[in-house]
Amino acid sequence: MNGLSTRDAAKKLGLSFTSLNRYIAAKKIPLPPLVRVGGVRVRLWSDKDIAKVRALLPKIKNGRKLRYKKSRRK
């Protein structure tokens, strides 16, 4: 099977592994389906999955930046 691990997908997207996991936990990005490989269930990221996430990244709001903008307005 061809596919990238979540760590490799994060590198390809220009994100840290931790940031990608945070977006996954917050359900801000779609996940590829689980695939059984050698008795282990893993998520394999295709180029199509990475393209979907790349299109969504500019639309994801970063909480820290928004907090600073709100505090400046007051």
PDB file of N, CA and C in Angstrom:
ATOM      1  N   MET A   1       0.835  -1.188   0.000  1.00  0.00           N
ATOM      2  CA  MET A   1       0.000   0.000   0.000  1.00  0.00           C
ATOM      3  C   MET A   1       0.876   1.246   0.000  1.00  0.00           C
ATOM      4  N   ASN A   2       0.495   2.216  -0.768  1.00  0.00           N
ATOM      5  CA  ASN A   2       1.198   3.485  -0.777  1.00  0.00           C
ATOM      6  C   ASN A   2       0.477   4.441   0.152  1.00  0.00           C
ATOM      7  N   GLY A   3       1.221   5.157   0.918  1.00  0.00           N
ATOM      8  CA  GLY A   3       0.635   6.124   1.824  1.00  0.00           C
ATOM      9  C   GLY A   3       1.682   6.631   2.787  1.00  0.00           C
ATOM     10  N   LEU A   4       1.400   7.755   3.373  1.00  0.00           N
ATOM     11  CA  LEU A   4       2.327   8.368   4.312  1.00  0.00           C
ATOM     12  C   LEU A   4       1.793   8.225   5.727  1.00  0.00           C
ATOM     13  N   SER A   5       2.696   8.158   6.680  1.00  0.00           N
ATOM     14  CA  SER A   5       2.296   8.159   8.077  1.00  0.00           C
ATOM     15  C   SER A   5       1.849   9.572   8.444  1.00  0.00           C
ATOM     16  N   THR A   6       1.253   9.713   9.604  1.00  0.00           N
ATOM     17  CA  THR A   6       0.812  11.032  10.047  1.00  0.00           C
ATOM     18  C   THR A   6       2.010  11.951  10.231  1.00  0.00           C
ATOM     19  N   ARG A   7       3.107  11.427  10.725  1.00  0.00           N
ATOM     20  CA  ARG A   7       4.324  12.234  10.908  1.00  0.00           C
ATOM     21  C   ARG A   7       4.852  12.735   9.562  1.00  0.00           C
ATOM     22  N   ASP A   8       4.861  11.849   8.553  1.00  0.00           N
ATOM     23  CA  ASP A   8       5.331  12.250   7.222  1.00  0.00           C
ATOM     24  C   ASP A   8       4.357  13.227   6.560  1.00  0.00           C
ATOM     25  N   ALA A   9       3.057  13.030   6.799  1.00  0.00           N
ATOM     26  CA  ALA A   9       2.061  13.952   6.249  1.00  0.00           C
ATOM     27  C   ALA A   9       2.248  15.342   6.839  1.00  0.00           C
ATOM     28  N   ALA A  10       2.555  15.412   8.129  1.00  0.00           N
ATOM     29  CA  ALA A  10       2.786  16.709   8.776  1.00  0.00           C
ATOM     30  C   ALA A  10       3.990  17.411   8.140  1.00  0.00           C
ATOM     31  N   LYS A  11       5.059  16.662   7.882  1.00  0.00           N
ATOM     32  CA  LYS A  11       6.234  17.253   7.231  1.00  0.00           C
ATOM     33  C   LYS A  11       5.881  17.783   5.856  1.00  0.00           C
ATOM     34  N   LYS A  12       5.107  17.017   5.106  1.00  0.00           N
ATOM     35  CA  LYS A  12       4.737  17.423   3.750  1.00  0.00           C
ATOM     36  C   LYS A  12       3.848  18.671   3.768  1.00  0.00           C
ATOM     37  N   LEU A  13       3.036  18.810   4.834  1.00  0.00           N
ATOM     38  CA  LEU A  13       2.160  19.967   4.962  1.00  0.00           C
ATOM     39  C   LEU A  13       2.879  21.182   5.546  1.00  0.00           C
ATOM     40  N   GLY A  14       4.097  20.984   6.045  1.00  0.00           N
ATOM     41  CA  GLY A  14       4.831  22.086   6.646  1.00  0.00           C
ATOM     42  C   GLY A  14       4.383  22.382   8.066  1.00  0.00           C
ATOM     43  N   LEU A  15       3.822  21.390   8.744  1.00  0.00           N
ATOM     44  CA  LEU A  15       3.367  21.527  10.121  1.00  0.00           C
ATOM     45  C   LEU A  15       4.207  20.638  11.017  1.00  0.00           C
ATOM     46  N   SER A  16       4.180  20.925  12.293  1.00  0.00           N
ATOM     47  CA  SER A  16       4.803  19.988  13.229  1.00  0.00           C
ATOM     48  C   SER A  16       3.820  18.845  13.469  1.00  0.00           C
ATOM     49  N   PHE A  17       4.345  17.726  13.889  1.00  0.00           N
ATOM     50  CA  PHE A  17       3.514  16.558  14.190  1.00  0.00           C
ATOM     51  C   PHE A  17       2.498  16.907  15.276  1.00  0.00           C
ATOM     52  N   THR A  18       2.939  17.690  16.264  1.00  0.00           N
ATOM     53  CA  THR A  18       2.059  18.089  17.367  1.00  0.00           C
ATOM     54  C   THR A  18       0.906  18.958  16.866  1.00  0.00           C
ATOM     55  N   SER A  19       1.195  19.894  15.986  1.00  0.00           N
ATOM     56  CA  SER A  19       0.144  20.769  15.456  1.00  0.00           C
ATOM     57  C   SER A  19      -0.883  19.961  14.669  1.00  0.00           C
ATOM     58  N   LEU A  20      -0.408  19.046  13.845  1.00  0.00           N
ATOM     59  CA  LEU A  20      -1.335  18.221  13.072  1.00  0.00           C
ATOM     60  C   LEU A  20      -2.206  17.388  14.007  1.00  0.00           C
ATOM     61  N   ASN A  21      -1.624  16.843  15.065  1.00  0.00           N
ATOM     62  CA  ASN A  21      -2.412  16.073  16.028  1.00  0.00           C
ATOM     63  C   ASN A  21      -3.433  16.940  16.756  1.00  0.00           C
ATOM     64  N   ARG A  22      -3.086  18.184  17.022  1.00  0.00           N
ATOM     65  CA  ARG A  22      -4.054  19.094  17.660  1.00  0.00           C
ATOM     66  C   ARG A  22      -5.233  19.367  16.735  1.00  0.00           C
ATOM     67  N   TYR A  23      -4.950  19.598  15.459  1.00  0.00           N
ATOM     68  CA  TYR A  23      -6.033  19.820  14.497  1.00  0.00           C
ATOM     69  C   TYR A  23      -6.909  18.569  14.371  1.00  0.00           C
ATOM     70  N   ILE A  24      -6.292  17.399  14.431  1.00  0.00           N
ATOM     71  CA  ILE A  24      -7.046  16.149  14.362  1.00  0.00           C
ATOM     72  C   ILE A  24      -7.942  16.012  15.589  1.00  0.00           C
ATOM     73  N   ALA A  25      -7.385  16.269  16.777  1.00  0.00           N
ATOM     74  CA  ALA A  25      -8.146  16.149  18.021  1.00  0.00           C
ATOM     75  C   ALA A  25      -9.304  17.142  18.070  1.00  0.00           C
ATOM     76  N   ALA A  26      -9.101  18.323  17.506  1.00  0.00           N
ATOM     77  CA  ALA A  26     -10.150  19.350  17.485  1.00  0.00           C
ATOM     78  C   ALA A  26     -11.136  19.138  16.338  1.00  0.00           C
ATOM     79  N   LYS A  27     -10.903  18.108  15.539  1.00  0.00           N
ATOM     80  CA  LYS A  27     -11.756  17.772  14.391  1.00  0.00           C
ATOM     81  C   LYS A  27     -11.828  18.922  13.382  1.00  0.00           C
ATOM     82  N   LYS A  28     -10.706  19.603  13.188  1.00  0.00           N
ATOM     83  CA  LYS A  28     -10.645  20.701  12.228  1.00  0.00           C
ATOM     84  C   LYS A  28     -10.264  20.222  10.834  1.00  0.00           C
ATOM     85  N   ILE A  29      -9.726  19.011  10.736  1.00  0.00           N
ATOM     86  CA  ILE A  29      -9.335  18.464   9.434  1.00  0.00           C
ATOM     87  C   ILE A  29      -9.882  17.050   9.298  1.00  0.00           C
ATOM     88  N   PRO A  30     -10.206  16.632   8.067  1.00  0.00           N
ATOM     89  CA  PRO A  30     -10.698  15.265   7.855  1.00  0.00           C
ATOM     90  C   PRO A  30      -9.557  14.252   7.953  1.00  0.00           C
ATOM     91  N   LEU A  31      -9.879  13.094   8.481  1.00  0.00           N
ATOM     92  CA  LEU A  31      -8.886  12.029   8.636  1.00  0.00           C
ATOM     93  C   LEU A  31      -9.046  10.977   7.564  1.00  0.00           C
ATOM     94  N   PRO A  32      -7.945  10.379   7.131  1.00  0.00           N
ATOM     95  CA  PRO A  32      -8.065   9.234   6.227  1.00  0.00           C
ATOM     96  C   PRO A  32      -8.579   8.031   7.026  1.00  0.00           C
ATOM     97  N   PRO A  33      -9.178   7.065   6.374  1.00  0.00           N
ATOM     98  CA  PRO A  33      -9.703   5.904   7.098  1.00  0.00           C
ATOM     99  C   PRO A  33      -8.581   5.047   7.688  1.00  0.00           C
ATOM    100  N   LEU A  34      -8.938   4.289   8.710  1.00  0.00           N
ATOM    101  CA  LEU A  34      -7.982   3.353   9.315  1.00  0.00           C
ATOM    102  C   LEU A  34      -7.774   2.165   8.382  1.00  0.00           C
ATOM    103  N   VAL A  35      -6.527   1.721   8.285  1.00  0.00           N
ATOM    104  CA  VAL A  35      -6.165   0.589   7.432  1.00  0.00           C
ATOM    105  C   VAL A  35      -5.372  -0.385   8.305  1.00  0.00           C
ATOM    106  N   ARG A  36      -5.644  -1.670   8.143  1.00  0.00           N
ATOM    107  CA  ARG A  36      -4.906  -2.670   8.909  1.00  0.00           C
ATOM    108  C   ARG A  36      -3.657  -3.056   8.118  1.00  0.00           C
ATOM    109  N   VAL A  37      -2.499  -2.841   8.727  1.00  0.00           N
ATOM    110  CA  VAL A  37      -1.221  -3.162   8.105  1.00  0.00           C
ATOM    111  C   VAL A  37      -0.452  -4.039   9.091  1.00  0.00           C
ATOM    112  N   GLY A  38      -0.259  -5.291   8.745  1.00  0.00           N
ATOM    113  CA  GLY A  38       0.494  -6.196   9.610  1.00  0.00           C
ATOM    114  C   GLY A  38      -0.123  -6.371  10.983  1.00  0.00           C
ATOM    115  N   GLY A  39      -1.425  -6.357  11.080  1.00  0.00           N
ATOM    116  CA  GLY A  39      -2.096  -6.528  12.355  1.00  0.00           C
ATOM    117  C   GLY A  39      -2.229  -5.247  13.161  1.00  0.00           C
ATOM    118  N   VAL A  40      -1.775  -4.140  12.632  1.00  0.00           N
ATOM    119  CA  VAL A  40      -1.859  -2.859  13.326  1.00  0.00           C
ATOM    120  C   VAL A  40      -2.733  -1.923  12.508  1.00  0.00           C
ATOM    121  N   ARG A  41      -3.602  -1.197  13.189  1.00  0.00           N
ATOM    122  CA  ARG A  41      -4.446  -0.228  12.474  1.00  0.00           C
ATOM    123  C   ARG A  41      -3.733   1.112  12.433  1.00  0.00           C
ATOM    124  N   VAL A  42      -3.557   1.634  11.231  1.00  0.00           N
ATOM    125  CA  VAL A  42      -2.872   2.918  11.036  1.00  0.00           C
ATOM    126  C   VAL A  42      -3.654   3.763  10.038  1.00  0.00           C
ATOM    127  N   ARG A  43      -3.355   5.040  10.038  1.00  0.00           N
ATOM    128  CA  ARG A  43      -3.940   5.933   9.041  1.00  0.00           C
ATOM    129  C   ARG A  43      -2.870   6.213   8.000  1.00  0.00           C
ATOM    130  N   LEU A  44      -3.165   5.899   6.774  1.00  0.00           N
ATOM    131  CA  LEU A  44      -2.234   6.167   5.679  1.00  0.00           C
ATOM    132  C   LEU A  44      -2.771   7.346   4.879  1.00  0.00           C
ATOM    133  N   TRP A  45      -1.980   8.381   4.785  1.00  0.00           N
ATOM    134  CA  TRP A  45      -2.367   9.612   4.111  1.00  0.00           C
ATOM    135  C   TRP A  45      -1.978   9.534   2.645  1.00  0.00           C
ATOM    136  N   SER A  46      -2.954   9.689   1.763  1.00  0.00           N
ATOM    137  CA  SER A  46      -2.680   9.724   0.323  1.00  0.00           C
ATOM    138  C   SER A  46      -2.415  11.177  -0.085  1.00  0.00           C
ATOM    139  N   ASP A  47      -1.979  11.359  -1.314  1.00  0.00           N
ATOM    140  CA  ASP A  47      -1.770  12.725  -1.824  1.00  0.00           C
ATOM    141  C   ASP A  47      -3.082  13.497  -1.859  1.00  0.00           C
ATOM    142  N   LYS A  48      -4.169  12.794  -2.112  1.00  0.00           N
ATOM    143  CA  LYS A  48      -5.493  13.437  -2.146  1.00  0.00           C
ATOM    144  C   LYS A  48      -5.888  13.935  -0.752  1.00  0.00           C
ATOM    145  N   ASP A  49      -5.623  13.127   0.285  1.00  0.00           N
ATOM    146  CA  ASP A  49      -5.922  13.541   1.662  1.00  0.00           C
ATOM    147  C   ASP A  49      -5.097  14.764   2.047  1.00  0.00           C
ATOM    148  N   ILE A  50      -3.835  14.774   1.667  1.00  0.00           N
ATOM    149  CA  ILE A  50      -2.957  15.899   1.989  1.00  0.00           C
ATOM    150  C   ILE A  50      -3.402  17.154   1.254  1.00  0.00           C
ATOM    151  N   ALA A  51      -3.859  17.005   0.017  1.00  0.00           N
ATOM    152  CA  ALA A  51      -4.352  18.159  -0.741  1.00  0.00           C
ATOM    153  C   ALA A  51      -5.596  18.758  -0.079  1.00  0.00           C
ATOM    154  N   LYS A  52      -6.477  17.905   0.441  1.00  0.00           N
ATOM    155  CA  LYS A  52      -7.676  18.395   1.148  1.00  0.00           C
ATOM    156  C   LYS A  52      -7.280  19.224   2.361  1.00  0.00           C
ATOM    157  N   VAL A  53      -6.345  18.704   3.140  1.00  0.00           N
ATOM    158  CA  VAL A  53      -5.911  19.408   4.349  1.00  0.00           C
ATOM    159  C   VAL A  53      -5.193  20.701   3.974  1.00  0.00           C
ATOM    160  N   ARG A  54      -4.378  20.664   2.942  1.00  0.00           N
ATOM    161  CA  ARG A  54      -3.654  21.872   2.500  1.00  0.00           C
ATOM    162  C   ARG A  54      -4.645  22.974   2.106  1.00  0.00           C
ATOM    163  N   ALA A  55      -5.768  22.594   1.502  1.00  0.00           N
ATOM    164  CA  ALA A  55      -6.780  23.588   1.122  1.00  0.00           C
ATOM    165  C   ALA A  55      -7.484  24.153   2.350  1.00  0.00           C
ATOM    166  N   LEU A  56      -7.592  23.360   3.428  1.00  0.00           N
ATOM    167  CA  LEU A  56      -8.278  23.815   4.635  1.00  0.00           C
ATOM    168  C   LEU A  56      -7.386  24.639   5.563  1.00  0.00           C
ATOM    169  N   LEU A  57      -6.086  24.472   5.499  1.00  0.00           N
ATOM    170  CA  LEU A  57      -5.189  25.125   6.449  1.00  0.00           C
ATOM    171  C   LEU A  57      -5.365  26.642   6.545  1.00  0.00           C
ATOM    172  N   PRO A  58      -5.499  27.372   5.448  1.00  0.00           N
ATOM    173  CA  PRO A  58      -5.668  28.829   5.591  1.00  0.00           C
ATOM    174  C   PRO A  58      -6.974  29.212   6.286  1.00  0.00           C
ATOM    175  N   LYS A  59      -7.953  28.313   6.316  1.00  0.00           N
ATOM    176  CA  LYS A  59      -9.246  28.616   6.919  1.00  0.00           C
ATOM    177  C   LYS A  59      -9.299  28.280   8.402  1.00  0.00           C
ATOM    178  N   ILE A  60      -8.292  27.524   8.899  1.00  0.00           N
ATOM    179  CA  ILE A  60      -8.278  27.142  10.311  1.00  0.00           C
ATOM    180  C   ILE A  60      -7.797  28.332  11.122  1.00  0.00           C
ATOM    181  N   LYS A  61      -8.574  28.681  12.134  1.00  0.00           N
ATOM    182  CA  LYS A  61      -8.235  29.831  12.962  1.00  0.00           C
ATOM    183  C   LYS A  61      -7.332  29.388  14.106  1.00  0.00           C
ATOM    184  N   ASN A  62      -6.311  30.167  14.356  1.00  0.00           N
ATOM    185  CA  ASN A  62      -5.376  29.904  15.440  1.00  0.00           C
ATOM    186  C   ASN A  62      -5.842  30.691  16.652  1.00  0.00           C
ATOM    187  N   GLY A  63      -6.167  29.999  17.722  1.00  0.00           N
ATOM    188  CA  GLY A  63      -6.730  30.635  18.914  1.00  0.00           C
ATOM    189  C   GLY A  63      -5.859  31.721  19.500  1.00  0.00           C
ATOM    190  N   ARG A  64      -4.550  31.521  19.528  1.00  0.00           N
ATOM    191  CA  ARG A  64      -3.662  32.509  20.137  1.00  0.00           C
ATOM    192  C   ARG A  64      -3.718  33.825  19.369  1.00  0.00           C
ATOM    193  N   LYS A  65      -3.696  33.788  18.061  1.00  0.00           N
ATOM    194  CA  LYS A  65      -3.734  35.012  17.273  1.00  0.00           C
ATOM    195  C   LYS A  65      -5.057  35.735  17.490  1.00  0.00           C
ATOM    196  N   LEU A  66      -6.142  34.997  17.609  1.00  0.00           N
ATOM    197  CA  LEU A  66      -7.440  35.628  17.819  1.00  0.00           C
ATOM    198  C   LEU A  66      -7.520  36.281  19.195  1.00  0.00           C
ATOM    199  N   ARG A  67      -6.931  35.673  20.213  1.00  0.00           N
ATOM    200  CA  ARG A  67      -6.962  36.269  21.552  1.00  0.00           C
ATOM    201  C   ARG A  67      -6.246  37.610  21.550  1.00  0.00           C
ATOM    202  N   TYR A  68      -5.101  37.681  20.861  1.00  0.00           N
ATOM    203  CA  TYR A  68      -4.377  38.941  20.823  1.00  0.00           C
ATOM    204  C   TYR A  68      -5.170  40.007  20.080  1.00  0.00           C
ATOM    205  N   LYS A  69      -5.831  39.644  19.012  1.00  0.00           N
ATOM    206  CA  LYS A  69      -6.618  40.620  18.263  1.00  0.00           C
ATOM    207  C   LYS A  69      -7.773  41.131  19.121  1.00  0.00           C
ATOM    208  N   LYS A  70      -8.432  40.247  19.858  1.00  0.00           N
ATOM    209  CA  LYS A  70      -9.569  40.664  20.697  1.00  0.00           C
ATOM    210  C   LYS A  70      -9.104  41.598  21.815  1.00  0.00           C
ATOM    211  N   SER A  71      -7.953  41.298  22.420  1.00  0.00           N
ATOM    212  CA  SER A  71      -7.502  42.139  23.538  1.00  0.00           C
ATOM    213  C   SER A  71      -7.073  43.524  23.038  1.00  0.00           C
ATOM    214  N   ARG A  72      -6.581  43.636  21.807  1.00  0.00           N
ATOM    215  CA  ARG A  72      -6.185  44.955  21.280  1.00  0.00           C
ATOM    216  C   ARG A  72      -7.386  45.825  20.989  1.00  0.00           C
ATOM    217  N   ARG A  73      -8.513  45.231  20.627  1.00  0.00           N
ATOM    218  CA  ARG A  73      -9.690  46.008  20.265  1.00  0.00           C
ATOM    219  C   ARG A  73     -10.300  46.723  21.469  1.00  0.00           C
ATOM    220  N   LYS A  74     -10.141  46.164  22.657  1.00  0.00           N
ATOM    221  CA  LYS A  74     -10.811  46.731  23.849  1.00  0.00           C
ATOM    222  C   LYS A  74     -10.266  48.038  24.278  1.00  0.00           C
TER     223      LYS A  74
END
